[in-house]
Structure formats: structure tokens, C-alpha cells
Amino acid sequence: MQSLLEILKTEYRNEYSINMGGLPYKLPKIYHGGDEYDISKRWYVYYSYVNPKTGKMERQPPIYMNVNRDYTTVKERLSRLKAIKKSLAELLKKGYSPYPSEEVKDKSTIKSAIEWAYKIKEATLSETYIPDFRSKKNQFIKYLEKNGYDVIAVDEFPKKYVLNYLNEIILKNSGKTHNNHKVVLSSLFDVLKRNEMIKDNFIKEIGNQSSTPKKNKSYSSDQLETLFEEISKDKNLLLFIQFVSYNFLRPIEVVRLKFDDLKINEQPPYLQVKAKNKPLKTKLIPNILLKDLENIKFGDPDELIFKTNEKGIQTKEVNRRNNFSAKFKEIKDKLNLGEEYTIYSFRHTFITKLFRELRKERTELETYDLLMKVTGHTTLKALKSYLRDIDAELAEDYSKFLEDEKDESIL
């Protein structure tokens, strides 16, 4: 049995590993804005590691991982930073070094290098992106193993094998899928290059494939009428889709909403939610949605509005979003609507409707100015590109310019 002194030495060695145990690092810690947990300051995880050239313990660059951008409460930030701290501690214990290791570089196979790069990359990914990223990484690993490429040294792995893999993706799927896999592989190879395990990231030299999106097609008036007739039978799903339709939220943003995010008693009423491109999006709640919100039963402020099940057991936001997507798919399939129609299609449909109605009464510039405030686009260029993609603006009738040609052809 260990003596108390031995136990204390072990604990002390874990905390100050370089001083007593000879380990080259100090375990990571969290900076949380000081004693007051000031969320206006930048929070981060920090740690120290021995510089192999000087032999001295040196503080490494702080790890932010978008925590300050994506999390706005003390509880959320601490939870995320604790997860990062735990992951980093495990990596350090398994031998991770922030400095390039010649031994690792010489002995790593492409498979082990990709797995190692994924562990580094995973710590920077959002919760919503990790499953898809991991899936694409695993598909590439299976391709390597199937063809016997997994044992090739990472610094000798040829570009042609990646090209062959991406070509297989195109043949089985689409140009868009090819591009998505390329993005994942390129980010992993970036990690390898940054750690001097390979000289260049040749994946960046591979061109993207053109693709024609099939999803998220707008609904016609008749389709909307039929859909809402069916959707209204499920009040929870109806409210979910109303947030997408009338507040122009993305489905993943809707599942993040908590009761405290709805400021329906303010003037004007508004909501706040974590968005795609900034930590917090503030949006007006229009009257068409407000009257329905006033009738719902509010729970605790920190309670999610949309849960996966009636028991209120919380799951990851991706699972919550997929739950509502599955409910909608049952209705969509019943009405024989194709895969190009999704919950996201409601957002496109109602933005198109709003745009066309505004253009009847306002100038083009006035219309764009109002739309930017309600859609969340941060630049006019981005808004115009989005409107073009969903075919929101139709040309004016040009028949009069063809009348003369028509008359002459008859004569």
C-alpha cells in the first residue's frame, strides 16, 4: 500500500511534472476571466511544455477553440473549456508534443498519422461538425486499409492515391460529396504539414468538382397549404417550422433556443440565439409568430424549447435537429415530395415571398436593407448571392420587347 507521502508525491508530480517526474509538460489549466469569471474577457486553456532545443519549460500558445465566440454564459464556457482541457491532458499523456518530432515523423504510417491529426483537429471542431468529420475520416481510413496503402510512410504517401479515392467518391455520389471529402482530408493534411510530418499539403492542389444542389427547393403556394394542413396536427413540429418560416432561423439554430432566449414582453419583442457566423444573433419576433408564442407554456429559463422526447432528456443538438427532420420526412413522403424539399426549404420559401412583396412597394436598395436585418446576412454581396441561389427575384415581363418580332414573323 502506498504511503501518504508517496501519494502526495504522485499528485505533486502530476501538477508539476517536469520538476519531479521528468515529464516534459505541465497539465493544462483554464483561464476564466479572473475571480469574477468575467465573460467579457477572452477565456482559454493554457499549458507549458519543455522546448527540446533549450531544455526549458515554456508556456505554449493559448487554446481558444472559438469558445469566446460560441459560448456566452459562464456555465457553457466552463463546460467547453473543461472538455478541451481533458482532451489536451489525454493527448499529452499519450505523447503529444507541440514541437516537431523527428522520431514520430520517421516512423508514422499514413493511417496512424491521419488518426493522430484527427485527434488534434477534433478539439477545434464544433459539436455539430464532429460526427460528419469523423465519418469522412473513417471512410478514407477504410480505403487505405482495403488497398493496402495504410502502411505507407506518411512522408512518402503519393498524391495519386488521394486522387483515386476522390474519383471513387464522384462515381458513387456527386461533385458536392467529392468537395466535402476533400475539405476534410485537406484540413487533416494541414495538421500534418504544420507538424512537419509532410512537406506539402498537395490536396489543396486538387480542384473542386461542379455540382448542382438538389436540396432545399422552395415550395409553391399549393404545396405550402397542403403541408401546413398536415404539420398543424403536430403542434410542436408546427412551432418548430414557424421559427424557420417566420424568423428565418436555420433548423440547427431553432433547436438551440431556450425559453430565456424569447423576449416576448420587450418592445419590440425579440429573440437571441447562437448563430452560424457569430456568438449571438438578435432577431425581431414578428407579430405573425408572436401571437403563437404567447399561447405556449413557458418552462424554466434555461430549459430547451424543443426537446427530443417528452421526458425532456437532453441530447446533442444534431440529434434534436435530426429528430424534427425525421418527423417532417414522414409528412413529406406522405405527400410524395422529393429529397430536394426539406425543413430548410421553408426558410427559402418565406424569404422569397418577403422579397417579392417588398419589391412591390420599395426600391431595390430599400428591400435589400430590410432583408439584411431579418435574414442575418452580414454583407450585401452575401445577401444577393443567396437570393440568386434560391431564385427569389424574377425578371419583369419582357413580352413587349418580343411583340414586334412576333408580328413580323406572322407577316
Foldseek 3Di string as FASTA:
>chain_A
DDDPVVVVLVVVCQQVVCVRPVQFWGQKDKDQPPPVSDLVDQIFIWIWGQDPVVRDIDIDDTHRLCLSWADRDSVSSVVLRVVLSVLVRVCSVVPDDPAADPVCLVQAFLLNLLVVLLSVVVNNDDPQCVVVLVVLSVVVSVLCVVVVRRRHRNQPDDPVSVVVVLVVVPVVDHLVSSVVSLVSLLSSVVSCCSSVSYVDSCSVVDDGDDGDDLALAADDPVRVVLLCVVQVVPVLLNLLLCCCQQLVADSLFLQQDFLLQWQVVDVQTWGWTQDDPGNIDIAGRDPVNSVVVVPDDHDPRRQGPQALDPVRDHDDSNSSSVSSFVVSVVVCVVVPHDNRYTSNNSSLHNLLVQLVVCVVPDPPVVSLVVSCRRNVDPDSVVVVVSCVSNVSDDDDDPVVVCVVVVVVVVD
